[in-house]
């Protein structure tokens, strides 16, 4: 990394889904610790592709990338243990709001008492008290989105990647989300 406060450093990142057709074409940027960094662009511009590259779900076709000083091509597992990712449309529809948060707590290896404490804090913080026992399948799009974002706060991450984080959220929940970041 060029600086100890640089958490993301991208140099000439390119990604092609098919030869010669680039979803990402020569992106260079850096993000500093504590900085909120956003991507704006039309549908199909490559925003989700870039998030997938930065979170090690896709390999860049060209260029170099460092996340928390680590090389995603060689140290993907270490990177994934230190980040949170909220993708578009993902949820465990078969379980309750509490269950969704508990699943993530178990996946992150939290002890039961800590998992319950964090789960209850997040339910209150994201205004999910009245929904805690409802299955995600029965929630509105905005309610599901709140659960998806809350899940990522169950563990101690250093970087949070959000793909269209405020889709389906009302003005109050948008403010809650932005304040949480």
C-alpha atoms as a PDB file:
ATOM      1  CA  UNK A   1       0.000   0.000   0.000  1.00  0.00           C
ATOM      2  CA  UNK A   2       1.185   3.478  -0.701  1.00  0.00           C
ATOM      3  CA  UNK A   3       0.088   4.751   2.719  1.00  0.00           C
ATOM      4  CA  UNK A   4      -0.864   2.980   5.957  1.00  0.00           C
ATOM      5  CA  UNK A   5      -4.265   4.704   5.910  1.00  0.00           C
ATOM      6  CA  UNK A   6      -5.071   3.414   2.406  1.00  0.00           C
ATOM      7  CA  UNK A   7      -7.539   0.526   2.684  1.00  0.00           C
ATOM      8  CA  UNK A   8      -8.298   0.057  -1.022  1.00  0.00           C
ATOM      9  CA  UNK A   9      -5.861   0.724  -3.826  1.00  0.00           C
ATOM     10  CA  UNK A  10      -6.841  -0.054  -7.415  1.00  0.00           C
ATOM     11  CA  UNK A  11      -4.539   0.481 -10.381  1.00  0.00           C
ATOM     12  CA  UNK A  12      -5.801   0.098 -13.947  1.00  0.00           C
ATOM     13  CA  UNK A  13      -8.413  -2.532 -13.013  1.00  0.00           C
ATOM     14  CA  UNK A  14     -10.072  -4.176 -15.981  1.00  0.00           C
ATOM     15  CA  UNK A  15     -12.567  -7.005 -16.083  1.00  0.00           C
ATOM     16  CA  UNK A  16     -14.002  -8.650 -19.181  1.00  0.00           C
ATOM     17  CA  UNK A  17     -16.849 -11.137 -19.062  1.00  0.00           C
ATOM     18  CA  UNK A  18     -16.106 -11.920 -22.714  1.00  0.00           C
ATOM     19  CA  UNK A  19     -12.846 -11.221 -24.579  1.00  0.00           C
ATOM     20  CA  UNK A  20     -12.514  -7.586 -25.568  1.00  0.00           C
ATOM     21  CA  UNK A  21     -15.752  -6.479 -23.905  1.00  0.00           C
ATOM     22  CA  UNK A  22     -14.877  -4.762 -20.643  1.00  0.00           C
ATOM     23  CA  UNK A  23     -17.280  -4.203 -17.763  1.00  0.00           C
ATOM     24  CA  UNK A  24     -14.403  -2.404 -16.019  1.00  0.00           C
ATOM     25  CA  UNK A  25     -11.886  -0.602 -18.156  1.00  0.00           C
ATOM     26  CA  UNK A  26      -8.841   0.921 -16.481  1.00  0.00           C
ATOM     27  CA  UNK A  27     -10.159   2.014 -13.074  1.00  0.00           C
ATOM     28  CA  UNK A  28      -7.593   3.618 -10.789  1.00  0.00           C
ATOM     29  CA  UNK A  29      -8.506   4.968  -7.347  1.00  0.00           C
ATOM     30  CA  UNK A  30      -7.741   4.695  -3.650  1.00  0.00           C
ATOM     31  CA  UNK A  31      -9.885   4.796  -0.525  1.00  0.00           C
ATOM     32  CA  UNK A  32      -8.562   5.975   2.818  1.00  0.00           C
ATOM     33  CA  UNK A  33      -9.438   4.572   6.237  1.00  0.00           C
ATOM     34  CA  UNK A  34     -12.653   6.138   7.559  1.00  0.00           C
ATOM     35  CA  UNK A  35     -13.656   7.445   4.137  1.00  0.00           C
ATOM     36  CA  UNK A  36     -17.101   6.767   2.684  1.00  0.00           C
ATOM     37  CA  UNK A  37     -16.593   6.043  -1.010  1.00  0.00           C
ATOM     38  CA  UNK A  38     -19.468   5.722  -3.438  1.00  0.00           C
ATOM     39  CA  UNK A  39     -19.903   4.649  -7.035  1.00  0.00           C
ATOM     40  CA  UNK A  40     -22.444   6.321  -9.272  1.00  0.00           C
ATOM     41  CA  UNK A  41     -23.404   5.205 -12.740  1.00  0.00           C
ATOM     42  CA  UNK A  42     -26.159   3.983 -14.977  1.00  0.00           C
ATOM     43  CA  UNK A  43     -27.432   0.405 -14.924  1.00  0.00           C
ATOM     44  CA  UNK A  44     -24.860  -1.946 -16.407  1.00  0.00           C
ATOM     45  CA  UNK A  45     -21.975   0.496 -15.868  1.00  0.00           C
ATOM     46  CA  UNK A  46     -19.952  -2.030 -13.837  1.00  0.00           C
ATOM     47  CA  UNK A  47     -20.614  -0.940 -10.248  1.00  0.00           C
ATOM     48  CA  UNK A  48     -21.631  -4.411  -9.051  1.00  0.00           C
ATOM     49  CA  UNK A  49     -18.787  -5.972 -11.038  1.00  0.00           C
ATOM     50  CA  UNK A  50     -16.281  -3.714  -9.267  1.00  0.00           C
ATOM     51  CA  UNK A  51     -17.713  -4.673  -5.878  1.00  0.00           C
ATOM     52  CA  UNK A  52     -17.390  -8.359  -6.811  1.00  0.00           C
ATOM     53  CA  UNK A  53     -13.760  -7.818  -7.820  1.00  0.00           C
ATOM     54  CA  UNK A  54     -12.965  -5.935  -4.584  1.00  0.00           C
ATOM     55  CA  UNK A  55     -14.640  -8.613  -2.443  1.00  0.00           C
ATOM     56  CA  UNK A  56     -12.783 -11.461  -4.207  1.00  0.00           C
ATOM     57  CA  UNK A  57     -15.868 -12.926  -5.905  1.00  0.00           C
ATOM     58  CA  UNK A  58     -14.384 -12.133  -9.332  1.00  0.00           C
ATOM     59  CA  UNK A  59     -10.778 -11.891 -10.468  1.00  0.00           C
ATOM     60  CA  UNK A  60      -9.767  -8.791 -12.414  1.00  0.00           C
ATOM     61  CA  UNK A  61      -8.684  -9.494 -15.985  1.00  0.00           C
ATOM     62  CA  UNK A  62      -5.904  -6.931 -15.646  1.00  0.00           C
ATOM     63  CA  UNK A  63      -4.491  -4.433 -13.168  1.00  0.00           C
ATOM     64  CA  UNK A  64      -3.492  -4.574  -9.533  1.00  0.00           C
ATOM     65  CA  UNK A  65      -5.623  -4.345  -6.435  1.00  0.00           C
ATOM     66  CA  UNK A  66      -4.860  -4.200  -2.714  1.00  0.00           C
ATOM     67  CA  UNK A  67      -7.542  -4.511  -0.043  1.00  0.00           C
ATOM     68  CA  UNK A  68      -6.320  -3.767   3.499  1.00  0.00           C
ATOM     69  CA  UNK A  69      -2.807  -4.193   2.127  1.00  0.00           C
ATOM     70  CA  UNK A  70      -3.586  -7.698   0.872  1.00  0.00           C
ATOM     71  CA  UNK A  71      -3.573  -9.115  -2.652  1.00  0.00           C
ATOM     72  CA  UNK A  72      -7.038 -10.535  -3.497  1.00  0.00           C
ATOM     73  CA  UNK A  73      -5.527 -13.051  -5.913  1.00  0.00           C
ATOM     74  CA  UNK A  74      -3.412 -14.662  -3.180  1.00  0.00           C
ATOM     75  CA  UNK A  75      -5.093 -13.670   0.080  1.00  0.00           C
ATOM     76  CA  UNK A  76      -8.817 -13.750  -0.666  1.00  0.00           C
ATOM     77  CA  UNK A  77      -9.741 -15.687   2.463  1.00  0.00           C
ATOM     78  CA  UNK A  78      -7.955 -13.180   4.730  1.00  0.00           C
ATOM     79  CA  UNK A  79      -9.687 -10.305   2.976  1.00  0.00           C
ATOM     80  CA  UNK A  80     -13.122 -11.932   3.258  1.00  0.00           C
ATOM     81  CA  UNK A  81     -12.622 -12.402   7.010  1.00  0.00           C
ATOM     82  CA  UNK A  82     -12.137  -8.643   7.423  1.00  0.00           C
ATOM     83  CA  UNK A  83     -14.945  -7.242   5.268  1.00  0.00           C
ATOM     84  CA  UNK A  84     -18.716  -7.158   5.111  1.00  0.00           C
ATOM     85  CA  UNK A  85     -20.689  -7.356   1.870  1.00  0.00           C
ATOM     86  CA  UNK A  86     -24.336  -6.567   1.206  1.00  0.00           C
ATOM     87  CA  UNK A  87     -25.245  -7.757  -2.287  1.00  0.00           C
ATOM     88  CA  UNK A  88     -28.435  -7.078  -4.190  1.00  0.00           C
ATOM     89  CA  UNK A  89     -31.341  -9.382  -3.339  1.00  0.00           C
ATOM     90  CA  UNK A  90     -29.730 -11.900  -0.995  1.00  0.00           C
ATOM     91  CA  UNK A  91     -31.566 -13.269   2.040  1.00  0.00           C
ATOM     92  CA  UNK A  92     -32.379 -16.408   3.960  1.00  0.00           C
ATOM     93  CA  UNK A  93     -36.112 -16.276   3.261  1.00  0.00           C
ATOM     94  CA  UNK A  94     -36.852 -19.517   5.106  1.00  0.00           C
ATOM     95  CA  UNK A  95     -35.960 -18.188   8.549  1.00  0.00           C
ATOM     96  CA  UNK A  96     -36.962 -15.325  10.837  1.00  0.00           C
ATOM     97  CA  UNK A  97     -35.271 -11.960  11.202  1.00  0.00           C
ATOM     98  CA  UNK A  98     -33.663 -13.263  14.412  1.00  0.00           C
ATOM     99  CA  UNK A  99     -32.650 -16.421  12.584  1.00  0.00           C
ATOM    100  CA  UNK A 100     -31.002 -14.447   9.784  1.00  0.00           C
ATOM    101  CA  UNK A 101     -28.878 -12.549  12.293  1.00  0.00           C
ATOM    102  CA  UNK A 102     -28.125 -15.723  14.261  1.00  0.00           C
ATOM    103  CA  UNK A 103     -26.964 -17.570  11.124  1.00  0.00           C
ATOM    104  CA  UNK A 104     -24.456 -14.829  10.405  1.00  0.00           C
ATOM    105  CA  UNK A 105     -23.311 -14.776  14.033  1.00  0.00           C
ATOM    106  CA  UNK A 106     -22.669 -18.525  13.889  1.00  0.00           C
ATOM    107  CA  UNK A 107     -20.867 -18.208  10.540  1.00  0.00           C
ATOM    108  CA  UNK A 108     -18.585 -15.573  12.075  1.00  0.00           C
ATOM    109  CA  UNK A 109     -17.905 -17.789  15.085  1.00  0.00           C
ATOM    110  CA  UNK A 110     -19.433 -15.552  17.739  1.00  0.00           C
ATOM    111  CA  UNK A 111     -20.037 -17.143  21.153  1.00  0.00           C
ATOM    112  CA  UNK A 112     -23.762 -17.612  21.879  1.00  0.00           C
ATOM    113  CA  UNK A 113     -24.033 -14.843  24.490  1.00  0.00           C
ATOM    114  CA  UNK A 114     -22.228 -12.321  22.272  1.00  0.00           C
ATOM    115  CA  UNK A 115     -24.292 -13.373  19.249  1.00  0.00           C
ATOM    116  CA  UNK A 116     -27.572 -12.818  21.132  1.00  0.00           C
ATOM    117  CA  UNK A 117     -26.385  -9.449  22.486  1.00  0.00           C
ATOM    118  CA  UNK A 118     -25.332  -8.222  19.040  1.00  0.00           C
ATOM    119  CA  UNK A 119     -28.480  -9.602  17.404  1.00  0.00           C
ATOM    120  CA  UNK A 120     -30.731  -7.785  19.867  1.00  0.00           C
ATOM    121  CA  UNK A 121     -28.741  -4.544  19.496  1.00  0.00           C
ATOM    122  CA  UNK A 122     -29.047  -4.720  15.708  1.00  0.00           C
ATOM    123  CA  UNK A 123     -32.772  -5.489  15.833  1.00  0.00           C
ATOM    124  CA  UNK A 124     -33.263  -2.316  17.895  1.00  0.00           C
ATOM    125  CA  UNK A 125     -30.826  -0.215  15.838  1.00  0.00           C
ATOM    126  CA  UNK A 126     -32.501  -1.085  12.524  1.00  0.00           C
ATOM    127  CA  UNK A 127     -36.085  -0.840  13.788  1.00  0.00           C
ATOM    128  CA  UNK A 128     -36.840  -4.554  13.450  1.00  0.00           C
ATOM    129  CA  UNK A 129     -38.377  -5.195  16.892  1.00  0.00           C
ATOM    130  CA  UNK A 130     -41.901  -5.867  15.593  1.00  0.00           C
ATOM    131  CA  UNK A 131     -40.528  -8.106  12.835  1.00  0.00           C
ATOM    132  CA  UNK A 132     -38.042 -10.186  14.799  1.00  0.00           C
ATOM    133  CA  UNK A 133     -40.017 -13.446  14.574  1.00  0.00           C
ATOM    134  CA  UNK A 134     -41.349 -13.001  11.032  1.00  0.00           C
ATOM    135  CA  UNK A 135     -39.825 -15.003   8.193  1.00  0.00           C
ATOM    136  CA  UNK A 136     -37.881 -12.937   5.696  1.00  0.00           C
ATOM    137  CA  UNK A 137     -40.133 -14.372   2.985  1.00  0.00           C
ATOM    138  CA  UNK A 138     -43.026 -12.404   4.523  1.00  0.00           C
ATOM    139  CA  UNK A 139     -41.206  -9.055   4.693  1.00  0.00           C
ATOM    140  CA  UNK A 140     -41.463  -6.134   2.298  1.00  0.00           C
ATOM    141  CA  UNK A 141     -38.485  -5.295   0.095  1.00  0.00           C
ATOM    142  CA  UNK A 142     -37.408  -2.449   2.380  1.00  0.00           C
ATOM    143  CA  UNK A 143     -37.707  -4.614   5.497  1.00  0.00           C
ATOM    144  CA  UNK A 144     -35.611  -7.351   3.863  1.00  0.00           C
ATOM    145  CA  UNK A 145     -32.993  -4.783   2.948  1.00  0.00           C
ATOM    146  CA  UNK A 146     -32.754  -3.641   6.580  1.00  0.00           C
ATOM    147  CA  UNK A 147     -32.174  -7.259   7.639  1.00  0.00           C
ATOM    148  CA  UNK A 148     -29.521  -7.721   4.935  1.00  0.00           C
ATOM    149  CA  UNK A 149     -27.619  -4.641   6.089  1.00  0.00           C
ATOM    150  CA  UNK A 150     -28.023  -5.447   9.802  1.00  0.00           C
ATOM    151  CA  UNK A 151     -26.533  -8.933   9.251  1.00  0.00           C
ATOM    152  CA  UNK A 152     -23.213  -7.491   8.159  1.00  0.00           C
ATOM    153  CA  UNK A 153     -22.892  -5.518  11.394  1.00  0.00           C
ATOM    154  CA  UNK A 154     -22.957  -8.764  13.436  1.00  0.00           C
ATOM    155  CA  UNK A 155     -19.175  -9.086  13.123  1.00  0.00           C
ATOM    156  CA  UNK A 156     -16.285  -6.651  13.443  1.00  0.00           C
ATOM    157  CA  UNK A 157     -15.399  -5.717   9.892  1.00  0.00           C
ATOM    158  CA  UNK A 158     -12.900  -3.191   8.640  1.00  0.00           C
ATOM    159  CA  UNK A 159     -14.600  -2.410   5.322  1.00  0.00           C
ATOM    160  CA  UNK A 160     -18.280  -2.641   4.423  1.00  0.00           C
ATOM    161  CA  UNK A 161     -19.221  -3.018   0.750  1.00  0.00           C
ATOM    162  CA  UNK A 162     -22.815  -2.116  -0.054  1.00  0.00           C
ATOM    163  CA  UNK A 163     -24.350  -2.765  -3.462  1.00  0.00           C
ATOM    164  CA  UNK A 164     -27.341  -0.425  -3.800  1.00  0.00           C
ATOM    165  CA  UNK A 165     -27.739  -0.164  -0.018  1.00  0.00           C
ATOM    166  CA  UNK A 166     -30.748   2.138   0.118  1.00  0.00           C
ATOM    167  CA  UNK A 167     -32.960   0.382  -2.449  1.00  0.00           C
ATOM    168  CA  UNK A 168     -36.397  -0.080  -0.918  1.00  0.00           C
ATOM    169  CA  UNK A 169     -35.621   1.919   2.227  1.00  0.00           C
ATOM    170  CA  UNK A 170     -37.734   4.839   3.376  1.00  0.00           C
ATOM    171  CA  UNK A 171     -36.141   8.177   4.275  1.00  0.00           C
ATOM    172  CA  UNK A 172     -35.848   7.368   7.995  1.00  0.00           C
ATOM    173  CA  UNK A 173     -34.195   3.990   7.409  1.00  0.00           C
ATOM    174  CA  UNK A 174     -31.848   5.541   4.828  1.00  0.00           C
ATOM    175  CA  UNK A 175     -30.693   7.983   7.508  1.00  0.00           C
ATOM    176  CA  UNK A 176     -30.315   5.123  10.041  1.00  0.00           C
ATOM    177  CA  UNK A 177     -28.194   3.186   7.571  1.00  0.00           C
ATOM    178  CA  UNK A 178     -25.996   6.143   6.683  1.00  0.00           C
ATOM    179  CA  UNK A 179     -25.533   6.978  10.378  1.00  0.00           C
ATOM    180  CA  UNK A 180     -24.494   3.356  11.028  1.00  0.00           C
ATOM    181  CA  UNK A 181     -21.738   3.577   8.448  1.00  0.00           C
END
